PDB file of N, CA and C in Angstrom:
ATOM      1  N   MET A   1      48.298 -23.065 -77.526  1.00  0.00           N
ATOM      2  CA  MET A   1      47.467 -24.138 -78.028  1.00  0.00           C
ATOM      3  C   MET A   1      47.032 -25.059 -76.898  1.00  0.00           C
ATOM      4  N   LYS A   2      47.981 -25.345 -76.012  1.00  0.00           N
ATOM      5  CA  LYS A   2      47.694 -26.218 -74.881  1.00  0.00           C
ATOM      6  C   LYS A   2      46.604 -25.599 -73.997  1.00  0.00           C
ATOM      7  N   THR A   3      46.672 -24.286 -73.810  1.00  0.00           N
ATOM      8  CA  THR A   3      45.688 -23.576 -72.998  1.00  0.00           C
ATOM      9  C   THR A   3      44.301 -23.676 -73.615  1.00  0.00           C
ATOM     10  N   ILE A   4      44.220 -23.547 -74.922  1.00  0.00           N
ATOM     11  CA  ILE A   4      42.930 -23.639 -75.606  1.00  0.00           C
ATOM     12  C   ILE A   4      42.331 -25.034 -75.441  1.00  0.00           C
ATOM     13  N   ILE A   5      43.135 -26.055 -75.564  1.00  0.00           N
ATOM     14  CA  ILE A   5      42.653 -27.434 -75.407  1.00  0.00           C
ATOM     15  C   ILE A   5      42.159 -27.659 -73.980  1.00  0.00           C
ATOM     16  N   ILE A   6      42.865 -27.178 -73.005  1.00  0.00           N
ATOM     17  CA  ILE A   6      42.444 -27.316 -71.600  1.00  0.00           C
ATOM     18  C   ILE A   6      41.133 -26.571 -71.382  1.00  0.00           C
ATOM     19  N   PHE A   7      41.061 -25.340 -71.889  1.00  0.00           N
ATOM     20  CA  PHE A   7      39.849 -24.539 -71.740  1.00  0.00           C
ATOM     21  C   PHE A   7      38.649 -25.248 -72.367  1.00  0.00           C
ATOM     22  N   LEU A   8      38.794 -25.744 -73.594  1.00  0.00           N
ATOM     23  CA  LEU A   8      37.700 -26.437 -74.274  1.00  0.00           C
ATOM     24  C   LEU A   8      37.310 -27.720 -73.545  1.00  0.00           C
ATOM     25  N   SER A   9      38.271 -28.406 -72.975  1.00  0.00           N
ATOM     26  CA  SER A   9      37.984 -29.620 -72.208  1.00  0.00           C
ATOM     27  C   SER A   9      37.156 -29.301 -70.974  1.00  0.00           C
ATOM     28  N   ILE A  10      37.497 -28.219 -70.297  1.00  0.00           N
ATOM     29  CA  ILE A  10      36.747 -27.809 -69.101  1.00  0.00           C
ATOM     30  C   ILE A  10      35.327 -27.418 -69.484  1.00  0.00           C
ATOM     31  N   VAL A  11      35.180 -26.628 -70.554  1.00  0.00           N
ATOM     32  CA  VAL A  11      33.843 -26.230 -71.016  1.00  0.00           C
ATOM     33  C   VAL A  11      33.018 -27.465 -71.365  1.00  0.00           C
ATOM     34  N   PHE A  12      33.616 -28.425 -72.045  1.00  0.00           N
ATOM     35  CA  PHE A  12      32.924 -29.661 -72.414  1.00  0.00           C
ATOM     36  C   PHE A  12      32.465 -30.419 -71.179  1.00  0.00           C
ATOM     37  N   LEU A  13      33.326 -30.549 -70.186  1.00  0.00           N
ATOM     38  CA  LEU A  13      32.967 -31.269 -68.960  1.00  0.00           C
ATOM     39  C   LEU A  13      31.847 -30.568 -68.204  1.00  0.00           C
ATOM     40  N   ILE A  14      31.908 -29.254 -68.139  1.00  0.00           N
ATOM     41  CA  ILE A  14      30.864 -28.489 -67.454  1.00  0.00           C
ATOM     42  C   ILE A  14      29.543 -28.643 -68.191  1.00  0.00           C
ATOM     43  N   SER A  15      29.573 -28.549 -69.512  1.00  0.00           N
ATOM     44  CA  SER A  15      28.328 -28.661 -70.271  1.00  0.00           C
ATOM     45  C   SER A  15      27.730 -30.056 -70.150  1.00  0.00           C
ATOM     46  N   CYS A  16      28.546 -31.073 -70.087  1.00  0.00           N
ATOM     47  CA  CYS A  16      28.030 -32.439 -69.892  1.00  0.00           C
ATOM     48  C   CYS A  16      27.368 -32.559 -68.532  1.00  0.00           C
ATOM     49  N   SER A  17      27.957 -31.959 -67.533  1.00  0.00           N
ATOM     50  CA  SER A  17      27.388 -31.991 -66.193  1.00  0.00           C
ATOM     51  C   SER A  17      26.030 -31.312 -66.166  1.00  0.00           C
ATOM     52  N   ASN A  18      25.905 -30.136 -66.787  1.00  0.00           N
ATOM     53  CA  ASN A  18      24.640 -29.419 -66.813  1.00  0.00           C
ATOM     54  C   ASN A  18      23.576 -30.191 -67.577  1.00  0.00           C
ATOM     55  N   THR A  19      23.951 -30.853 -68.653  1.00  0.00           N
ATOM     56  CA  THR A  19      22.997 -31.648 -69.416  1.00  0.00           C
ATOM     57  C   THR A  19      22.453 -32.777 -68.561  1.00  0.00           C
ATOM     58  N   LYS A  20      23.305 -33.401 -67.803  1.00  0.00           N
ATOM     59  CA  LYS A  20      22.878 -34.490 -66.929  1.00  0.00           C
ATOM     60  C   LYS A  20      21.890 -33.978 -65.882  1.00  0.00           C
ATOM     61  N   GLU A  21      22.173 -32.799 -65.288  1.00  0.00           N
ATOM     62  CA  GLU A  21      21.266 -32.228 -64.298  1.00  0.00           C
ATOM     63  C   GLU A  21      19.926 -31.872 -64.937  1.00  0.00           C
ATOM     64  N   MET A  22      19.964 -31.273 -66.129  1.00  0.00           N
ATOM     65  CA  MET A  22      18.735 -30.889 -66.810  1.00  0.00           C
ATOM     66  C   MET A  22      17.894 -32.124 -67.092  1.00  0.00           C
ATOM     67  N   TYR A  23      18.544 -33.203 -67.518  1.00  0.00           N
ATOM     68  CA  TYR A  23      17.855 -34.460 -67.798  1.00  0.00           C
ATOM     69  C   TYR A  23      17.191 -34.977 -66.530  1.00  0.00           C
ATOM     70  N   ALA A  24      17.912 -34.958 -65.429  1.00  0.00           N
ATOM     71  CA  ALA A  24      17.388 -35.495 -64.176  1.00  0.00           C
ATOM     72  C   ALA A  24      16.221 -34.672 -63.648  1.00  0.00           C
ATOM     73  N   THR A  25      16.219 -33.358 -63.896  1.00  0.00           N
ATOM     74  CA  THR A  25      15.167 -32.519 -63.345  1.00  0.00           C
ATOM     75  C   THR A  25      14.001 -32.325 -64.304  1.00  0.00           C
ATOM     76  N   SER A  26      14.037 -32.963 -65.463  1.00  0.00           N
ATOM     77  CA  SER A  26      12.970 -32.819 -66.435  1.00  0.00           C
ATOM     78  C   SER A  26      12.177 -34.107 -66.575  1.00  0.00           C
ATOM     79  N   CYS A  27      11.811 -34.702 -65.476  1.00  0.00           N
ATOM     80  CA  CYS A  27      11.008 -35.921 -65.473  1.00  0.00           C
ATOM     81  C   CYS A  27      11.713 -37.060 -66.186  1.00  0.00           C
ATOM     82  N   GLU A  28      13.019 -37.020 -66.210  1.00  0.00           N
ATOM     83  CA  GLU A  28      13.841 -38.047 -66.835  1.00  0.00           C
ATOM     84  C   GLU A  28      13.556 -38.217 -68.321  1.00  0.00           C
ATOM     85  N   VAL A  29      13.169 -37.119 -68.978  1.00  0.00           N
ATOM     86  CA  VAL A  29      12.997 -37.092 -70.426  1.00  0.00           C
ATOM     87  C   VAL A  29      13.693 -35.850 -70.964  1.00  0.00           C
ATOM     88  N   ASN A  30      14.169 -35.932 -72.191  1.00  0.00           N
ATOM     89  CA  ASN A  30      14.866 -34.796 -72.783  1.00  0.00           C
ATOM     90  C   ASN A  30      13.922 -33.698 -73.255  1.00  0.00           C
ATOM     91  N   ALA A  31      12.743 -34.061 -73.708  1.00  0.00           N
ATOM     92  CA  ALA A  31      11.787 -33.093 -74.248  1.00  0.00           C
ATOM     93  C   ALA A  31      10.414 -33.369 -73.646  1.00  0.00           C
ATOM     94  N   PRO A  32      10.097 -32.759 -72.510  1.00  0.00           N
ATOM     95  CA  PRO A  32       8.826 -33.060 -71.839  1.00  0.00           C
ATOM     96  C   PRO A  32       7.587 -32.843 -72.713  1.00  0.00           C
ATOM     97  N   LEU A  33       7.613 -31.823 -73.578  1.00  0.00           N
ATOM     98  CA  LEU A  33       6.443 -31.557 -74.421  1.00  0.00           C
ATOM     99  C   LEU A  33       6.198 -32.650 -75.454  1.00  0.00           C
ATOM    100  N   GLU A  34       7.216 -33.402 -75.755  1.00  0.00           N
ATOM    101  CA  GLU A  34       7.069 -34.489 -76.720  1.00  0.00           C
ATOM    102  C   GLU A  34       7.009 -35.860 -76.048  1.00  0.00           C
ATOM    103  N   ASN A  35       7.645 -36.011 -74.898  1.00  0.00           N
ATOM    104  CA  ASN A  35       7.793 -37.334 -74.283  1.00  0.00           C
ATOM    105  C   ASN A  35       6.876 -37.598 -73.093  1.00  0.00           C
ATOM    106  N   LEU A  36       6.144 -36.612 -72.648  1.00  0.00           N
ATOM    107  CA  LEU A  36       5.126 -36.825 -71.611  1.00  0.00           C
ATOM    108  C   LEU A  36       3.771 -36.718 -72.300  1.00  0.00           C
ATOM    109  N   PRO A  37       3.110 -37.848 -72.548  1.00  0.00           N
ATOM    110  CA  PRO A  37       1.876 -37.841 -73.347  1.00  0.00           C
ATOM    111  C   PRO A  37       0.810 -36.867 -72.856  1.00  0.00           C
ATOM    112  N   TRP A  38       0.604 -36.769 -71.548  1.00  0.00           N
ATOM    113  CA  TRP A  38      -0.422 -35.865 -71.024  1.00  0.00           C
ATOM    114  C   TRP A  38      -0.069 -34.401 -71.318  1.00  0.00           C
ATOM    115  N   LEU A  39       1.222 -34.046 -71.248  1.00  0.00           N
ATOM    116  CA  LEU A  39       1.656 -32.677 -71.506  1.00  0.00           C
ATOM    117  C   LEU A  39       1.606 -32.372 -73.007  1.00  0.00           C
ATOM    118  N   LYS A  40       1.966 -33.339 -73.807  1.00  0.00           N
ATOM    119  CA  LYS A  40       1.890 -33.194 -75.259  1.00  0.00           C
ATOM    120  C   LYS A  40       0.451 -32.938 -75.698  1.00  0.00           C
ATOM    121  N   GLU A  41      -0.488 -33.656 -75.068  1.00  0.00           N
ATOM    122  CA  GLU A  41      -1.907 -33.474 -75.396  1.00  0.00           C
ATOM    123  C   GLU A  41      -2.384 -32.064 -75.057  1.00  0.00           C
ATOM    124  N   ILE A  42      -1.962 -31.534 -73.919  1.00  0.00           N
ATOM    125  CA  ILE A  42      -2.329 -30.162 -73.545  1.00  0.00           C
ATOM    126  C   ILE A  42      -1.793 -29.183 -74.589  1.00  0.00           C
ATOM    127  N   LYS A  43      -0.550 -29.351 -74.982  1.00  0.00           N
ATOM    128  CA  LYS A  43       0.061 -28.465 -75.979  1.00  0.00           C
ATOM    129  C   LYS A  43      -0.691 -28.543 -77.309  1.00  0.00           C
ATOM    130  N   ILE A  44      -1.003 -29.749 -77.762  1.00  0.00           N
ATOM    131  CA  ILE A  44      -1.730 -29.917 -79.026  1.00  0.00           C
ATOM    132  C   ILE A  44      -3.098 -29.254 -78.950  1.00  0.00           C
ATOM    133  N   ASN A  45      -3.784 -29.421 -77.818  1.00  0.00           N
ATOM    134  CA  ASN A  45      -5.095 -28.785 -77.656  1.00  0.00           C
ATOM    135  C   ASN A  45      -4.991 -27.260 -77.681  1.00  0.00           C
ATOM    136  N   PHE A  46      -3.933 -26.705 -77.088  1.00  0.00           N
ATOM    137  CA  PHE A  46      -3.713 -25.261 -77.160  1.00  0.00           C
ATOM    138  C   PHE A  46      -3.484 -24.833 -78.612  1.00  0.00           C
ATOM    139  N   GLU A  47      -2.692 -25.615 -79.341  1.00  0.00           N
ATOM    140  CA  GLU A  47      -2.351 -25.270 -80.722  1.00  0.00           C
ATOM    141  C   GLU A  47      -3.566 -25.280 -81.643  1.00  0.00           C
ATOM    142  N   ILE A  48      -4.478 -26.216 -81.428  1.00  0.00           N
ATOM    143  CA  ILE A  48      -5.636 -26.322 -82.327  1.00  0.00           C
ATOM    144  C   ILE A  48      -6.842 -25.517 -81.838  1.00  0.00           C
ATOM    145  N   SER A  49      -6.739 -24.924 -80.676  1.00  0.00           N
ATOM    146  CA  SER A  49      -7.840 -24.145 -80.125  1.00  0.00           C
ATOM    147  C   SER A  49      -8.120 -22.922 -80.997  1.00  0.00           C
ATOM    148  N   ALA A  50      -9.390 -22.612 -81.153  1.00  0.00           N
ATOM    149  CA  ALA A  50      -9.789 -21.435 -81.924  1.00  0.00           C
ATOM    150  C   ALA A  50      -9.750 -20.173 -81.064  1.00  0.00           C
ATOM    151  N   SER A  51      -9.438 -20.324 -79.794  1.00  0.00           N
ATOM    152  CA  SER A  51      -9.409 -19.194 -78.875  1.00  0.00           C
ATOM    153  C   SER A  51      -8.248 -18.254 -79.211  1.00  0.00           C
ATOM    154  N   ALA A  52      -8.482 -16.976 -79.077  1.00  0.00           N
ATOM    155  CA  ALA A  52      -7.436 -15.970 -79.315  1.00  0.00           C
ATOM    156  C   ALA A  52      -6.606 -15.714 -78.057  1.00  0.00           C
ATOM    157  N   SER A  53      -6.949 -16.385 -76.971  1.00  0.00           N
ATOM    158  CA  SER A  53      -6.256 -16.175 -75.701  1.00  0.00           C
ATOM    159  C   SER A  53      -4.821 -16.677 -75.768  1.00  0.00           C
ATOM    160  N   LYS A  54      -3.923 -15.954 -75.126  1.00  0.00           N
ATOM    161  CA  LYS A  54      -2.533 -16.385 -75.019  1.00  0.00           C
ATOM    162  C   LYS A  54      -2.460 -17.502 -73.983  1.00  0.00           C
ATOM    163  N   THR A  55      -1.742 -18.559 -74.319  1.00  0.00           N
ATOM    164  CA  THR A  55      -1.588 -19.697 -73.415  1.00  0.00           C
ATOM    165  C   THR A  55      -0.103 -19.960 -73.189  1.00  0.00           C
ATOM    166  N   GLN A  56       0.199 -20.684 -72.106  1.00  0.00           N
ATOM    167  CA  GLN A  56       1.598 -20.895 -71.754  1.00  0.00           C
ATOM    168  C   GLN A  56       1.764 -22.198 -70.969  1.00  0.00           C
ATOM    169  N   ILE A  57       2.902 -22.868 -71.218  1.00  0.00           N
ATOM    170  CA  ILE A  57       3.316 -24.036 -70.441  1.00  0.00           C
ATOM    171  C   ILE A  57       4.712 -23.719 -69.921  1.00  0.00           C
ATOM    172  N   ILE A  58       4.840 -23.700 -68.596  1.00  0.00           N
ATOM    173  CA  ILE A  58       6.108 -23.330 -67.966  1.00  0.00           C
ATOM    174  C   ILE A  58       6.555 -24.453 -67.040  1.00  0.00           C
ATOM    175  N   GLN A  59       7.822 -24.790 -67.116  1.00  0.00           N
ATOM    176  CA  GLN A  59       8.414 -25.793 -66.222  1.00  0.00           C
ATOM    177  C   GLN A  59       9.109 -25.073 -65.068  1.00  0.00           C
ATOM    178  N   PHE A  60       8.932 -25.590 -63.863  1.00  0.00           N
ATOM    179  CA  PHE A  60       9.584 -25.081 -62.661  1.00  0.00           C
ATOM    180  C   PHE A  60      10.150 -26.245 -61.859  1.00  0.00           C
ATOM    181  N   THR A  61      10.986 -25.914 -60.911  1.00  0.00           N
ATOM    182  CA  THR A  61      11.338 -26.836 -59.840  1.00  0.00           C
ATOM    183  C   THR A  61      10.621 -26.313 -58.607  1.00  0.00           C
ATOM    184  N   TYR A  62       9.851 -27.168 -57.972  1.00  0.00           N
ATOM    185  CA  TYR A  62       9.067 -26.789 -56.789  1.00  0.00           C
ATOM    186  C   TYR A  62       9.250 -27.880 -55.745  1.00  0.00           C
ATOM    187  N   HIS A  63       9.814 -27.519 -54.606  1.00  0.00           N
ATOM    188  CA  HIS A  63      10.147 -28.490 -53.557  1.00  0.00           C
ATOM    189  C   HIS A  63      10.950 -29.658 -54.131  1.00  0.00           C
ATOM    190  N   ASN A  64      11.979 -29.336 -54.899  1.00  0.00           N
ATOM    191  CA  ASN A  64      12.899 -30.320 -55.505  1.00  0.00           C
ATOM    192  C   ASN A  64      12.217 -31.293 -56.464  1.00  0.00           C
ATOM    193  N   GLU A  65      11.107 -30.895 -57.031  1.00  0.00           N
ATOM    194  CA  GLU A  65      10.371 -31.721 -57.981  1.00  0.00           C
ATOM    195  C   GLU A  65      10.088 -30.894 -59.231  1.00  0.00           C
ATOM    196  N   THR A  66      10.206 -31.505 -60.403  1.00  0.00           N
ATOM    197  CA  THR A  66       9.845 -30.817 -61.642  1.00  0.00           C
ATOM    198  C   THR A  66       8.330 -30.746 -61.731  1.00  0.00           C
ATOM    199  N   VAL A  67       7.834 -29.538 -61.990  1.00  0.00           N
ATOM    200  CA  VAL A  67       6.394 -29.328 -62.150  1.00  0.00           C
ATOM    201  C   VAL A  67       6.151 -28.472 -63.390  1.00  0.00           C
ATOM    202  N   PHE A  68       4.906 -28.498 -63.858  1.00  0.00           N
ATOM    203  CA  PHE A  68       4.533 -27.759 -65.050  1.00  0.00           C
ATOM    204  C   PHE A  68       3.326 -26.893 -64.737  1.00  0.00           C
ATOM    205  N   LEU A  69       3.479 -25.592 -64.946  1.00  0.00           N
ATOM    206  CA  LEU A  69       2.389 -24.643 -64.749  1.00  0.00           C
ATOM    207  C   LEU A  69       1.697 -24.467 -66.102  1.00  0.00           C
ATOM    208  N   ILE A  70       0.406 -24.726 -66.123  1.00  0.00           N
ATOM    209  CA  ILE A  70      -0.388 -24.611 -67.341  1.00  0.00           C
ATOM    210  C   ILE A  70      -1.292 -23.396 -67.196  1.00  0.00           C
ATOM    211  N   ASP A  71      -1.053 -22.404 -68.049  1.00  0.00           N
ATOM    212  CA  ASP A  71      -1.839 -21.169 -68.019  1.00  0.00           C
ATOM    213  C   ASP A  71      -2.654 -21.087 -69.313  1.00  0.00           C
ATOM    214  N   PRO A  72      -3.948 -21.448 -69.244  1.00  0.00           N
ATOM    215  CA  PRO A  72      -4.755 -21.505 -70.458  1.00  0.00           C
ATOM    216  C   PRO A  72      -5.236 -20.146 -70.967  1.00  0.00           C
ATOM    217  N   CYS A  73      -4.988 -19.090 -70.200  1.00  0.00           N
ATOM    218  CA  CYS A  73      -5.440 -17.764 -70.631  1.00  0.00           C
ATOM    219  C   CYS A  73      -4.635 -16.700 -69.889  1.00  0.00           C
ATOM    220  N   MET A  74      -3.450 -16.416 -70.414  1.00  0.00           N
ATOM    221  CA  MET A  74      -2.577 -15.436 -69.775  1.00  0.00           C
ATOM    222  C   MET A  74      -3.276 -14.074 -69.716  1.00  0.00           C
ATOM    223  N   ASP A  75      -3.152 -13.409 -68.593  1.00  0.00           N
ATOM    224  CA  ASP A  75      -3.712 -12.067 -68.381  1.00  0.00           C
ATOM    225  C   ASP A  75      -5.236 -12.009 -68.459  1.00  0.00           C
ATOM    226  N   CYS A  76      -5.917 -13.128 -68.282  1.00  0.00           N
ATOM    227  CA  CYS A  76      -7.381 -13.136 -68.256  1.00  0.00           C
ATOM    228  C   CYS A  76      -7.851 -13.053 -66.805  1.00  0.00           C
ATOM    229  N   ALA A  77      -8.865 -12.236 -66.588  1.00  0.00           N
ATOM    230  CA  ALA A  77      -9.463 -12.163 -65.256  1.00  0.00           C
ATOM    231  C   ALA A  77     -10.133 -13.498 -64.952  1.00  0.00           C
ATOM    232  N   ASP A  78     -10.048 -13.931 -63.718  1.00  0.00           N
ATOM    233  CA  ASP A  78     -10.682 -15.172 -63.261  1.00  0.00           C
ATOM    234  C   ASP A  78     -10.164 -16.417 -63.972  1.00  0.00           C
ATOM    235  N   ASN A  79      -8.938 -16.383 -64.441  1.00  0.00           N
ATOM    236  CA  ASN A  79      -8.303 -17.528 -65.086  1.00  0.00           C
ATOM    237  C   ASN A  79      -7.841 -18.527 -64.032  1.00  0.00           C
ATOM    238  N   LEU A  80      -8.030 -19.803 -64.278  1.00  0.00           N
ATOM    239  CA  LEU A  80      -7.562 -20.853 -63.375  1.00  0.00           C
ATOM    240  C   LEU A  80      -6.292 -21.460 -63.944  1.00  0.00           C
ATOM    241  N   THR A  81      -5.175 -21.257 -63.249  1.00  0.00           N
ATOM    242  CA  THR A  81      -3.875 -21.802 -63.637  1.00  0.00           C
ATOM    243  C   THR A  81      -3.618 -23.032 -62.785  1.00  0.00           C
ATOM    244  N   THR A  82      -3.119 -24.101 -63.406  1.00  0.00           N
ATOM    245  CA  THR A  82      -2.923 -25.366 -62.711  1.00  0.00           C
ATOM    246  C   THR A  82      -1.469 -25.807 -62.810  1.00  0.00           C
ATOM    247  N   VAL A  83      -0.966 -26.404 -61.727  1.00  0.00           N
ATOM    248  CA  VAL A  83       0.397 -26.936 -61.681  1.00  0.00           C
ATOM    249  C   VAL A  83       0.301 -28.457 -61.553  1.00  0.00           C
ATOM    250  N   TYR A  84       1.066 -29.160 -62.420  1.00  0.00           N
ATOM    251  CA  TYR A  84       1.064 -30.619 -62.437  1.00  0.00           C
ATOM    252  C   TYR A  84       2.471 -31.143 -62.184  1.00  0.00           C
ATOM    253  N   ASN A  85       2.567 -32.370 -61.669  1.00  0.00           N
ATOM    254  CA  ASN A  85       3.867 -33.031 -61.538  1.00  0.00           C
ATOM    255  C   ASN A  85       4.164 -33.803 -62.821  1.00  0.00           C
ATOM    256  N   CYS A  86       5.254 -34.535 -62.838  1.00  0.00           N
ATOM    257  CA  CYS A  86       5.677 -35.265 -64.037  1.00  0.00           C
ATOM    258  C   CYS A  86       4.678 -36.329 -64.485  1.00  0.00           C
ATOM    259  N   GLU A  87       3.939 -36.876 -63.559  1.00  0.00           N
ATOM    260  CA  GLU A  87       2.963 -37.917 -63.895  1.00  0.00           C
ATOM    261  C   GLU A  87       1.649 -37.335 -64.389  1.00  0.00           C
ATOM    262  N   GLY A  88       1.495 -36.020 -64.333  1.00  0.00           N
ATOM    263  CA  GLY A  88       0.250 -35.387 -64.747  1.00  0.00           C
ATOM    264  C   GLY A  88      -0.744 -35.243 -63.621  1.00  0.00           C
ATOM    265  N   ASP A  89      -0.295 -35.458 -62.386  1.00  0.00           N
ATOM    266  CA  ASP A  89      -1.168 -35.276 -61.220  1.00  0.00           C
ATOM    267  C   ASP A  89      -1.216 -33.793 -60.860  1.00  0.00           C
ATOM    268  N   LYS A  90      -2.401 -33.297 -60.543  1.00  0.00           N
ATOM    269  CA  LYS A  90      -2.572 -31.901 -60.164  1.00  0.00           C
ATOM    270  C   LYS A  90      -1.919 -31.663 -58.801  1.00  0.00           C
ATOM    271  N   ILE A  91      -1.012 -30.691 -58.751  1.00  0.00           N
ATOM    272  CA  ILE A  91      -0.337 -30.323 -57.507  1.00  0.00           C
ATOM    273  C   ILE A  91      -1.071 -29.174 -56.832  1.00  0.00           C
ATOM    274  N   CYS A  92      -1.414 -28.148 -57.621  1.00  0.00           N
ATOM    275  CA  CYS A  92      -2.137 -27.010 -57.058  1.00  0.00           C
ATOM    276  C   CYS A  92      -2.778 -26.172 -58.154  1.00  0.00           C
ATOM    277  N   GLU A  93      -3.610 -25.211 -57.717  1.00  0.00           N
ATOM    278  CA  GLU A  93      -4.322 -24.322 -58.629  1.00  0.00           C
ATOM    279  C   GLU A  93      -4.265 -22.898 -58.097  1.00  0.00           C
ATOM    280  N   PHE A  94      -4.311 -21.955 -59.052  1.00  0.00           N
ATOM    281  CA  PHE A  94      -4.318 -20.540 -58.701  1.00  0.00           C
ATOM    282  C   PHE A  94      -5.411 -19.833 -59.484  1.00  0.00           C
ATOM    283  N   GLY A  95      -6.093 -18.916 -58.839  1.00  0.00           N
ATOM    284  CA  GLY A  95      -7.050 -18.054 -59.527  1.00  0.00           C
ATOM    285  C   GLY A  95      -8.428 -18.642 -59.646  1.00  0.00           C
ATOM    286  N   GLY A  96      -9.067 -18.382 -60.774  1.00  0.00           N
ATOM    287  CA  GLY A  96     -10.448 -18.789 -60.973  1.00  0.00           C
ATOM    288  C   GLY A  96     -11.384 -17.812 -60.290  1.00  0.00           C
ATOM    289  N   ILE A  97     -12.660 -18.002 -60.493  1.00  0.00           N
ATOM    290  CA  ILE A  97     -13.661 -17.123 -59.889  1.00  0.00           C
ATOM    291  C   ILE A  97     -13.566 -17.154 -58.371  1.00  0.00           C
ATOM    292  N   ALA A  98     -13.224 -18.328 -57.810  1.00  0.00           N
ATOM    293  CA  ALA A  98     -13.136 -18.477 -56.349  1.00  0.00           C
ATOM    294  C   ALA A  98     -11.831 -17.910 -55.779  1.00  0.00           C
ATOM    295  N   GLY A  99     -10.883 -17.555 -56.626  1.00  0.00           N
ATOM    296  CA  GLY A  99      -9.612 -17.025 -56.133  1.00  0.00           C
ATOM    297  C   GLY A  99      -8.776 -18.075 -55.414  1.00  0.00           C
ATOM    298  N   LEU A 100      -8.722 -19.276 -55.955  1.00  0.00           N
ATOM    299  CA  LEU A 100      -7.980 -20.371 -55.323  1.00  0.00           C
ATOM    300  C   LEU A 100      -6.483 -20.084 -55.237  1.00  0.00           C
ATOM    301  N   ASN A 101      -5.855 -20.643 -54.234  1.00  0.00           N
ATOM    302  CA  ASN A 101      -4.401 -20.687 -54.133  1.00  0.00           C
ATOM    303  C   ASN A 101      -4.081 -21.859 -53.223  1.00  0.00           C
ATOM    304  N   THR A 102      -3.898 -23.020 -53.824  1.00  0.00           N
ATOM    305  CA  THR A 102      -3.678 -24.227 -53.031  1.00  0.00           C
ATOM    306  C   THR A 102      -2.195 -24.529 -52.815  1.00  0.00           C
ATOM    307  N   CYS A 103      -1.319 -23.677 -53.314  1.00  0.00           N
ATOM    308  CA  CYS A 103       0.126 -23.750 -53.035  1.00  0.00           C
ATOM    309  C   CYS A 103       0.566 -22.361 -52.600  1.00  0.00           C
ATOM    310  N   LEU A 104       0.329 -22.037 -51.369  1.00  0.00           N
ATOM    311  CA  LEU A 104       0.608 -20.692 -50.878  1.00  0.00           C
ATOM    312  C   LEU A 104       2.071 -20.295 -51.013  1.00  0.00           C
ATOM    313  N   ASP A 105       2.970 -21.275 -51.035  1.00  0.00           N
ATOM    314  CA  ASP A 105       4.401 -20.975 -51.097  1.00  0.00           C
ATOM    315  C   ASP A 105       4.995 -21.113 -52.492  1.00  0.00           C
ATOM    316  N   PHE A 106       4.169 -21.225 -53.522  1.00  0.00           N
ATOM    317  CA  PHE A 106       4.692 -21.473 -54.863  1.00  0.00           C
ATOM    318  C   PHE A 106       5.626 -20.362 -55.327  1.00  0.00           C
ATOM    319  N   ASP A 107       5.238 -19.122 -55.163  1.00  0.00           N
ATOM    320  CA  ASP A 107       6.082 -18.012 -55.619  1.00  0.00           C
ATOM    321  C   ASP A 107       7.437 -18.007 -54.930  1.00  0.00           C
ATOM    322  N   GLU A 108       7.483 -18.317 -53.645  1.00  0.00           N
ATOM    323  CA  GLU A 108       8.740 -18.304 -52.902  1.00  0.00           C
ATOM    324  C   GLU A 108       9.591 -19.544 -53.168  1.00  0.00           C
ATOM    325  N   ASN A 109       8.973 -20.667 -53.483  1.00  0.00           N
ATOM    326  CA  ASN A 109       9.703 -21.932 -53.584  1.00  0.00           C
ATOM    327  C   ASN A 109       9.780 -22.527 -54.984  1.00  0.00           C
ATOM    328  N   SER A 110       9.324 -21.806 -55.976  1.00  0.00           N
ATOM    329  CA  SER A 110       9.470 -22.301 -57.347  1.00  0.00           C
ATOM    330  C   SER A 110      10.700 -21.631 -57.971  1.00  0.00           C
ATOM    331  N   THR A 111      11.543 -22.445 -58.600  1.00  0.00           N
ATOM    332  CA  THR A 111      12.785 -21.955 -59.200  1.00  0.00           C
ATOM    333  C   THR A 111      12.951 -22.555 -60.587  1.00  0.00           C
ATOM    334  N   ASN A 112      14.015 -22.177 -61.239  1.00  0.00           N
ATOM    335  CA  ASN A 112      14.382 -22.743 -62.547  1.00  0.00           C
ATOM    336  C   ASN A 112      13.260 -22.651 -63.571  1.00  0.00           C
ATOM    337  N   LYS A 113      12.686 -21.470 -63.686  1.00  0.00           N
ATOM    338  CA  LYS A 113      11.577 -21.254 -64.636  1.00  0.00           C
ATOM    339  C   LYS A 113      12.078 -21.410 -66.074  1.00  0.00           C
ATOM    340  N   ILE A 114      11.362 -22.270 -66.822  1.00  0.00           N
ATOM    341  CA  ILE A 114      11.656 -22.461 -68.242  1.00  0.00           C
ATOM    342  C   ILE A 114      10.329 -22.426 -68.987  1.00  0.00           C
ATOM    343  N   VAL A 115      10.158 -21.438 -69.843  1.00  0.00           N
ATOM    344  CA  VAL A 115       8.939 -21.374 -70.660  1.00  0.00           C
ATOM    345  C   VAL A 115       9.122 -22.406 -71.770  1.00  0.00           C
ATOM    346  N   LEU A 116       8.326 -23.467 -71.706  1.00  0.00           N
ATOM    347  CA  LEU A 116       8.426 -24.538 -72.694  1.00  0.00           C
ATOM    348  C   LEU A 116       7.654 -24.235 -73.965  1.00  0.00           C
ATOM    349  N   TRP A 117       6.521 -23.538 -73.810  1.00  0.00           N
ATOM    350  CA  TRP A 117       5.682 -23.240 -74.968  1.00  0.00           C
ATOM    351  C   TRP A 117       4.753 -22.084 -74.638  1.00  0.00           C
ATOM    352  N   GLU A 118       4.522 -21.236 -75.626  1.00  0.00           N
ATOM    353  CA  GLU A 118       3.495 -20.201 -75.528  1.00  0.00           C
ATOM    354  C   GLU A 118       3.079 -19.788 -76.934  1.00  0.00           C
ATOM    355  N   ASN A 119       1.888 -19.253 -77.021  1.00  0.00           N
ATOM    356  CA  ASN A 119       1.453 -18.775 -78.345  1.00  0.00           C
ATOM    357  C   ASN A 119       1.331 -17.274 -78.340  1.00  0.00           C
TER     358      ASN A 119
END
C-alpha cells in the first residue's frame, strides 16, 4: 500500500510539472484556440467556410517560442502556409505561387508539434 501511495505521489508531481511547462509554452493560456482572439477568429472562419479544402492549425515550438502554423488548404498546390507568434504577428510563410520560404530552418528547428484543430 505504501508503495502505491509513493508511486501515485510521484506521478502526480510529474504531471503537475508537465502541466506547468505546457502552460508556459502555450502563450501563457490554457486553450490557445479559445483564449487568443486572433487564433479563435481564424478557427471560426475555417469552420464557417464553404470550402471543401482541409485546413489545419498546428502549434510548434520554434526557437524557444510558441508559434502557430496555419494551413488553409492542406495538400493544395500553390498553398500559402503562414506561421504566427502568440501575438498574431507573422513569423514566416511557406509555399504559394512564388514558392516562398521565409524560415529556411523551420523543419529543423520546430519541435513539440501539436495539432490544435483540423477539419
